Amino acid sequence: MTAVTTGPRTASPGAGAGSSGAGPRGSGADLPRVDLVLAPTPLHPAPRLSRELGVPVLFKRDDLAGVGLGGNKLRGLEFLIGDALAQGCDSLVTGAGPQSNWTMLAALTCLRYGIEPHVVCYGSAGADRAEGNLRLHRWLGVDVRFTGEAERSSVDAGIAAVTGELRAAGRHPYPVPRGGATPLGALGYVRASLELAAQLAGLDEPPAGLWLATGSCGTQAGLVAGAAVTGASYQVVGVTVSRPAGEAAGRVRELAAAAAALAGTGPDLTPPDVRTGWIGPGYGVPSAAGQAAARLVAETEGVFLDPVFGAKAMAALIAGCRAGRVHGPQVFLVSGGAPTLFAGDEPTGSEA
């Protein structure tokens, strides 16, 4: 692997070990957690888009979560950083693609809490210009290394190698898989489901669906477990932007069950609903349908969607509404990804 920077920047002493996760039963309240999200994030109607689609649509704005430029990954990082601090870890190792929102937010929160971040990306250092999230990594002086291989799975071996290197040097690293997709990370959206339930309680009509983009599967898993914990009326609908729907559904099911167990509950989980057909030219590559959907949302509601996660999920929701297959109010999770709008000649999207 080749390093982008000459060496990692050591974080200054952090803001402390954070809070033990105070919260209601079913939210992992007894587990270590730090406060990252400015909760509750807004839930608001999208009236012009709703009129366009003939279906009431509400936005859950996790792009406004607070740290950095916001994003859904902050939910899981509250628990992952809390656990790393509780274990006395001095470094964290994770990875994804060069424009990953996950690694950017992981690195930023690590620096905030005095943990040294190390990031592994697939591909080669010269393949991506220093734009979007990669530019932010470099600006912060984060240790970013490339595997030299195009396969996303090469990141997994890279994470293990850097973790081993740090341990051999007497360090105490905290390895986290791509996207933070672990049962502990998924707890972030179990907790978010409780927040959402309180917001939905004031509506005249409960939503029938909650739509999101599904990549590494942790967010949908947390929402599936959270819907069971709260007895939600809505179906959690994930639109896969990465892997085959069957594989994604299996990962969601496994992570949701484990997250529910960590939360101290044992609810019966609804089988995951993962929609396919919206990946377009490929993972991390904008699609024509996604670009059209993102433009419609920007023009009607003044909200930017990232090109390859949120935009593709919105394209699926729009198509379902226009075909008459979607009925009743729908919540759409705006999951962030703003830095990726500034990468490449056209928006290149985020990679989880």
Protein backbone atom coordinates (compact mmCIF):
# COMPACT_ATOMS: atom_id res chain seq x y z
CA MET A 1 0.00 0.00 0.00
CA THR A 2 1.16 3.52 -0.70
CA ALA A 3 0.66 6.42 1.66
CA VAL A 4 -0.74 9.75 0.54
CA THR A 5 0.86 11.69 3.37
CA THR A 6 4.33 11.36 4.79
CA GLY A 7 2.88 10.27 8.08
CA PRO A 8 -0.15 10.45 10.34
CA ARG A 9 -1.01 13.56 12.22
CA THR A 10 -1.28 12.90 15.91
CA ALA A 11 -4.49 14.22 17.37
CA SER A 12 -4.32 16.61 20.26
CA PRO A 13 -5.90 15.52 23.52
CA GLY A 14 -9.61 15.06 22.99
CA ALA A 15 -12.68 16.35 24.70
CA GLY A 16 -12.80 13.47 27.15
CA ALA A 17 -14.34 10.05 27.11
CA GLY A 18 -17.81 11.37 26.38
CA SER A 19 -21.03 10.19 27.93
CA SER A 20 -22.12 6.73 28.83
CA GLY A 21 -25.06 6.34 26.53
CA ALA A 22 -27.86 7.74 28.61
CA GLY A 23 -31.17 7.09 26.90
CA PRO A 24 -34.34 5.02 26.95
CA ARG A 25 -34.45 1.25 27.01
CA GLY A 26 -33.81 -0.29 23.62
CA SER A 27 -31.29 2.39 22.59
CA GLY A 28 -28.15 0.78 24.00
CA ALA A 29 -28.34 3.12 26.97
CA ASP A 30 -25.87 1.10 29.03
CA LEU A 31 -23.12 1.24 26.38
CA PRO A 32 -20.37 3.88 26.10
CA ARG A 33 -21.31 6.67 23.69
CA VAL A 34 -20.07 10.15 22.82
CA ASP A 35 -22.29 13.04 21.75
CA LEU A 36 -21.77 13.89 18.09
CA VAL A 37 -25.25 14.40 16.62
CA LEU A 38 -27.15 17.64 17.19
CA ALA A 39 -30.33 15.74 17.92
CA PRO A 40 -33.05 15.71 17.02
CA THR A 41 -32.18 16.34 13.40
CA PRO A 42 -35.04 18.06 11.55
CA LEU A 43 -38.02 16.18 10.16
CA HIS A 44 -39.96 18.38 7.77
CA PRO A 45 -42.43 18.13 4.89
CA ALA A 46 -41.27 18.45 1.29
CA PRO A 47 -44.43 20.14 -0.06
CA ARG A 48 -43.39 20.97 -3.62
CA LEU A 49 -41.88 17.53 -4.17
CA SER A 50 -44.99 15.97 -2.64
CA ARG A 51 -47.23 17.80 -5.10
CA GLU A 52 -44.99 16.70 -7.97
CA LEU A 53 -45.22 13.05 -6.93
CA GLY A 54 -48.79 12.95 -5.64
CA VAL A 55 -47.57 11.39 -2.39
CA PRO A 56 -46.76 13.16 0.91
CA VAL A 57 -42.97 13.11 1.42
CA LEU A 58 -41.06 14.18 4.52
CA PHE A 59 -37.29 14.59 4.84
CA LYS A 60 -35.34 13.34 7.86
CA ARG A 61 -32.33 15.63 7.68
CA ASP A 62 -29.33 13.70 8.94
CA ASP A 63 -27.26 15.79 6.56
CA LEU A 64 -27.65 18.43 9.28
CA ALA A 65 -26.31 16.22 12.07
CA GLY A 66 -23.63 18.66 13.16
CA VAL A 67 -20.03 17.44 12.98
CA GLY A 68 -18.15 18.32 9.81
CA LEU A 69 -20.64 18.56 6.95
CA GLY A 70 -23.03 16.12 8.63
CA GLY A 71 -24.19 12.69 7.55
CA ASN A 72 -25.69 9.43 8.69
CA LYS A 73 -22.36 7.90 9.70
CA LEU A 74 -22.20 10.13 12.77
CA ARG A 75 -24.96 8.06 14.38
CA GLY A 76 -22.86 4.91 14.49
CA LEU A 77 -19.68 6.79 15.32
CA GLU A 78 -21.22 7.90 18.62
CA PHE A 79 -21.06 4.28 19.79
CA LEU A 80 -17.86 3.27 17.98
CA ILE A 81 -15.81 6.20 19.31
CA GLY A 82 -17.33 5.67 22.74
CA ASP A 83 -16.25 2.03 22.68
CA ALA A 84 -12.75 2.89 21.44
CA LEU A 85 -12.31 5.38 24.29
CA ALA A 86 -13.67 2.91 26.83
CA GLN A 87 -11.09 0.35 25.65
CA GLY A 88 -8.27 2.88 25.92
CA CYS A 89 -7.50 2.81 22.21
CA ASP A 90 -5.08 5.42 20.87
CA SER A 91 -5.78 4.93 17.16
CA LEU A 92 -8.55 3.83 14.81
CA VAL A 93 -8.14 2.04 11.47
CA THR A 94 -10.86 1.89 8.84
CA GLY A 95 -11.27 2.26 5.11
CA ALA A 96 -13.42 2.59 1.98
CA GLY A 97 -13.09 4.51 -1.29
CA PRO A 98 -11.20 7.78 -1.85
CA GLN A 99 -14.42 9.83 -1.68
CA SER A 100 -15.83 8.08 1.37
CA ASN A 101 -18.00 10.14 3.70
CA TRP A 102 -17.60 7.39 6.28
CA THR A 103 -13.81 7.66 6.52
CA MET A 104 -13.92 11.46 6.51
CA LEU A 105 -16.33 11.61 9.43
CA ALA A 106 -14.50 8.81 11.24
CA ALA A 107 -11.19 10.67 10.92
CA LEU A 108 -12.70 13.98 12.00
CA THR A 109 -14.35 12.54 15.09
CA CYS A 110 -11.19 10.65 15.99
CA LEU A 111 -9.18 13.88 15.96
CA ARG A 112 -11.82 15.53 18.13
CA TYR A 113 -11.43 12.83 20.79
CA GLY A 114 -7.65 12.41 20.72
CA ILE A 115 -7.61 9.20 18.68
CA GLU A 116 -5.18 8.95 15.75
CA PRO A 117 -7.03 8.02 12.52
CA HIS A 118 -5.65 5.74 9.79
CA VAL A 119 -7.56 5.31 6.52
CA VAL A 120 -7.14 2.62 3.86
CA CYS A 121 -8.58 3.22 0.36
CA TYR A 122 -8.84 0.89 -2.59
CA GLY A 123 -7.22 2.00 -5.85
CA SER A 124 -4.03 4.03 -6.23
CA ALA A 125 -2.97 7.43 -4.96
CA GLY A 126 -2.72 8.96 -8.42
CA ALA A 127 -6.17 7.82 -9.57
CA ASP A 128 -8.09 10.49 -7.66
CA ARG A 129 -7.33 14.17 -7.50
CA ALA A 130 -7.35 15.76 -4.08
CA GLU A 131 -10.97 16.83 -4.21
CA GLY A 132 -14.03 16.30 -2.05
CA ASN A 133 -13.43 14.06 0.93
CA LEU A 134 -9.90 13.18 -0.14
CA ARG A 135 -8.95 16.85 -0.04
CA LEU A 136 -10.36 17.10 3.49
CA HIS A 137 -8.36 14.05 4.57
CA ARG A 138 -5.16 15.58 3.24
CA TRP A 139 -5.92 18.99 4.72
CA LEU A 140 -6.29 17.39 8.15
CA GLY A 141 -3.05 15.45 7.70
CA VAL A 142 -4.74 12.07 8.05
CA ASP A 143 -2.68 8.96 7.28
CA VAL A 144 -4.34 7.73 4.06
CA ARG A 145 -3.00 4.64 2.30
CA PHE A 146 -4.02 3.00 -0.96
CA THR A 147 -4.11 -0.73 -1.58
CA GLY A 148 -3.13 -0.43 -5.26
CA GLU A 149 -6.05 -2.70 -6.16
CA ALA A 150 -9.37 -1.74 -7.76
CA GLU A 151 -11.38 -4.25 -5.72
CA ARG A 152 -13.20 -2.73 -2.76
CA SER A 153 -12.57 -5.89 -0.77
CA SER A 154 -8.84 -5.13 -0.82
CA VAL A 155 -9.56 -2.57 1.89
CA ASP A 156 -10.33 -5.36 4.37
CA ALA A 157 -6.81 -6.81 4.14
CA GLY A 158 -5.41 -3.29 4.28
CA ILE A 159 -7.22 -2.54 7.52
CA ALA A 160 -5.86 -5.76 9.03
CA ALA A 161 -2.32 -4.93 7.87
CA VAL A 162 -2.29 -1.41 9.31
CA THR A 163 -3.84 -2.69 12.54
CA GLY A 164 -1.05 -5.27 12.80
CA GLU A 165 1.59 -2.64 12.08
CA LEU A 166 0.30 -0.42 14.87
CA ARG A 167 0.12 -3.27 17.36
CA ALA A 168 3.69 -4.26 16.53
CA ALA A 169 4.72 -0.69 17.35
CA GLY A 170 3.11 -0.97 20.78
CA ARG A 171 -0.02 0.97 19.89
CA HIS A 172 -3.62 0.11 20.79
CA PRO A 173 -5.62 0.39 17.55
CA TYR A 174 -9.37 0.05 17.10
CA PRO A 175 -10.13 -1.54 13.70
CA VAL A 176 -13.53 -0.83 12.12
CA PRO A 177 -14.74 -2.46 8.89
CA ARG A 178 -15.87 -0.53 5.81
CA GLY A 179 -18.79 1.79 6.46
CA GLY A 180 -18.74 1.13 10.20
CA ALA A 181 -21.19 -1.69 9.47
CA THR A 182 -21.08 -3.55 12.78
CA PRO A 183 -23.83 -4.35 15.29
CA LEU A 184 -22.46 -1.61 17.55
CA GLY A 185 -22.44 0.89 14.70
CA ALA A 186 -25.99 -0.07 13.73
CA LEU A 187 -27.12 0.93 17.23
CA GLY A 188 -26.84 4.53 16.07
CA TYR A 189 -29.98 4.11 14.00
CA VAL A 190 -31.79 2.15 16.68
CA ARG A 191 -31.33 5.25 18.79
CA ALA A 192 -32.33 7.47 15.84
CA SER A 193 -35.55 5.47 15.48
CA LEU A 194 -36.58 6.47 18.99
CA GLU A 195 -35.89 10.08 18.07
CA LEU A 196 -37.93 9.72 14.89
CA ALA A 197 -40.82 8.08 16.75
CA ALA A 198 -41.16 11.13 18.99
CA GLN A 199 -41.21 13.41 15.94
CA LEU A 200 -43.78 11.29 14.09
CA ALA A 201 -46.10 11.25 17.08
CA GLY A 202 -47.26 14.75 16.18
CA LEU A 203 -48.35 13.89 12.63
CA ASP A 204 -51.98 13.49 11.61
CA GLU A 205 -51.17 10.39 9.53
CA PRO A 206 -48.32 7.99 10.28
CA PRO A 207 -45.89 7.27 7.44
CA ALA A 208 -46.14 4.07 5.45
CA GLY A 209 -42.50 3.95 4.40
CA LEU A 210 -39.01 5.14 5.32
CA TRP A 211 -36.66 5.21 2.33
CA LEU A 212 -32.87 5.28 2.29
CA ALA A 213 -29.85 4.28 0.25
CA THR A 214 -28.27 1.00 1.34
CA GLY A 215 -24.55 0.42 0.85
CA SER A 216 -22.67 -1.24 3.70
CA CYS A 217 -26.07 -2.04 5.28
CA GLY A 218 -25.53 -0.75 8.81
CA THR A 219 -27.95 2.17 8.58
CA GLN A 220 -30.82 0.07 7.25
CA ALA A 221 -30.07 -2.61 9.84
CA GLY A 222 -30.35 -0.08 12.65
CA LEU A 223 -33.60 1.28 11.23
CA VAL A 224 -35.08 -2.22 10.88
CA ALA A 225 -34.21 -3.03 14.49
CA GLY A 226 -35.38 0.41 15.60
CA ALA A 227 -38.72 0.03 13.81
CA ALA A 228 -39.29 -3.19 15.72
CA VAL A 229 -38.28 -1.62 19.04
CA THR A 230 -40.65 1.33 18.55
CA GLY A 231 -43.49 -0.60 16.91
CA ALA A 232 -43.28 1.71 13.91
CA SER A 233 -46.03 1.76 11.31
CA TYR A 234 -43.63 2.22 8.41
CA GLN A 235 -41.76 -0.26 6.25
CA VAL A 236 -38.02 0.46 6.04
CA VAL A 237 -37.18 0.46 2.33
CA GLY A 238 -33.51 0.28 1.38
CA VAL A 239 -32.41 0.94 -2.18
CA THR A 240 -29.17 -0.91 -2.83
CA VAL A 241 -26.47 1.21 -4.42
CA SER A 242 -23.68 -1.30 -4.01
CA ARG A 243 -24.23 -5.03 -3.72
CA PRO A 244 -26.90 -7.46 -5.02
CA ALA A 245 -30.23 -7.12 -3.22
CA GLY A 246 -30.13 -10.65 -1.80
CA GLU A 247 -26.69 -10.14 -0.31
CA ALA A 248 -27.70 -6.75 1.10
CA ALA A 249 -30.87 -8.18 2.66
CA GLY A 250 -28.87 -10.93 4.34
CA ARG A 251 -26.39 -8.42 5.78
CA VAL A 252 -29.20 -6.16 6.99
CA ARG A 253 -30.97 -9.10 8.66
CA GLU A 254 -27.82 -10.26 10.45
CA LEU A 255 -26.76 -6.81 11.62
CA ALA A 256 -30.29 -5.87 12.70
CA ALA A 257 -30.65 -8.96 14.87
CA ALA A 258 -27.26 -8.37 16.50
CA ALA A 259 -27.98 -4.68 17.06
CA ALA A 260 -31.34 -5.50 18.67
CA ALA A 261 -29.58 -7.92 21.00
CA LEU A 262 -27.00 -5.28 21.94
CA ALA A 263 -29.83 -2.87 22.69
CA GLY A 264 -31.19 -5.36 25.18
CA THR A 265 -34.30 -6.20 23.21
CA GLY A 266 -35.43 -9.26 21.31
CA PRO A 267 -38.13 -8.06 18.96
CA ASP A 268 -39.36 -9.96 15.95
CA LEU A 269 -37.77 -8.21 12.99
CA THR A 270 -39.57 -7.52 9.73
CA PRO A 271 -37.79 -9.18 6.77
CA PRO A 272 -35.58 -6.51 5.16
CA ASP A 273 -37.02 -4.76 2.11
CA VAL A 274 -34.13 -4.05 -0.27
CA ARG A 275 -34.94 -2.70 -3.74
CA THR A 276 -32.68 -3.24 -6.72
CA GLY A 277 -32.38 -1.83 -10.22
CA TRP A 278 -30.97 1.58 -9.28
CA ILE A 279 -27.21 1.06 -9.16
CA GLY A 280 -26.93 2.35 -12.73
CA PRO A 281 -23.47 2.18 -14.36
CA GLY A 282 -21.97 0.87 -11.13
CA TYR A 283 -21.12 1.53 -7.52
CA GLY A 284 -19.79 5.02 -6.94
CA VAL A 285 -20.83 6.16 -10.43
CA PRO A 286 -23.73 8.60 -10.94
CA SER A 287 -26.73 7.38 -12.90
CA ALA A 288 -28.97 9.35 -15.24
CA ALA A 289 -32.02 8.55 -13.08
CA GLY A 290 -30.18 9.58 -9.93
CA GLN A 291 -29.00 12.84 -11.41
CA ALA A 292 -32.52 13.68 -12.56
CA ALA A 293 -33.90 12.86 -9.11
CA ALA A 294 -31.27 14.98 -7.36
CA ARG A 295 -32.01 17.93 -9.64
CA LEU A 296 -35.76 17.61 -8.96
CA VAL A 297 -35.17 17.66 -5.20
CA ALA A 298 -32.82 20.63 -5.48
CA GLU A 299 -35.28 22.60 -7.62
CA THR A 300 -38.38 21.80 -5.57
CA GLU A 301 -37.00 21.76 -2.02
CA GLY A 302 -33.57 23.39 -2.09
CA VAL A 303 -31.92 20.22 -0.75
CA PHE A 304 -28.80 18.65 -2.28
CA LEU A 305 -28.53 14.86 -2.45
CA ASP A 306 -25.20 13.15 -2.93
CA PRO A 307 -24.93 11.72 -6.47
CA VAL A 308 -24.61 7.98 -5.83
CA PHE A 309 -26.30 7.22 -2.53
CA GLY A 310 -29.16 9.61 -1.83
CA ALA A 311 -29.80 10.45 -5.48
CA LYS A 312 -30.24 6.82 -6.51
CA ALA A 313 -32.53 6.08 -3.56
CA MET A 314 -34.63 9.12 -4.42
CA ALA A 315 -34.85 7.94 -8.04
CA ALA A 316 -36.39 4.70 -6.80
CA LEU A 317 -38.92 6.54 -4.61
CA ILE A 318 -39.88 8.89 -7.46
CA ALA A 319 -40.38 6.00 -9.87
CA GLY A 320 -42.54 4.13 -7.37
CA CYS A 321 -44.71 7.18 -6.76
CA ARG A 322 -45.17 7.94 -10.44
CA ALA A 323 -46.05 4.33 -11.18
CA GLY A 324 -48.74 4.36 -8.47
CA ARG A 325 -46.98 1.71 -6.38
CA VAL A 326 -46.31 3.96 -3.36
CA HIS A 327 -49.17 5.03 -1.13
CA GLY A 328 -49.40 7.07 2.05
CA PRO A 329 -46.83 9.42 3.58
CA GLN A 330 -43.17 8.54 3.04
CA VAL A 331 -40.10 9.59 5.00
CA PHE A 332 -36.83 9.95 3.07
CA LEU A 333 -33.55 9.86 4.97
CA VAL A 334 -31.24 12.59 3.67
CA SER A 335 -27.96 10.99 4.64
CA GLY A 336 -25.44 13.68 3.73
CA GLY A 337 -22.42 13.41 1.47
CA ALA A 338 -21.94 17.11 0.70
CA PRO A 339 -18.15 16.89 0.10
CA THR A 340 -18.68 14.52 -2.82
CA LEU A 341 -20.54 17.25 -4.71
CA PHE A 342 -17.15 18.93 -5.10
CA ALA A 343 -15.22 15.97 -6.51
CA GLY A 344 -14.60 15.44 -10.21
CA ASP A 345 -15.87 17.23 -13.30
CA GLU A 346 -19.32 15.89 -12.43
CA PRO A 347 -20.39 14.79 -8.90
CA THR A 348 -18.71 11.44 -8.33
CA GLY A 349 -20.63 10.39 -5.25
CA SER A 350 -19.70 8.88 -1.95
CA GLU A 351 -18.39 5.48 -1.12
CA ALA A 352 -19.24 3.72 2.12
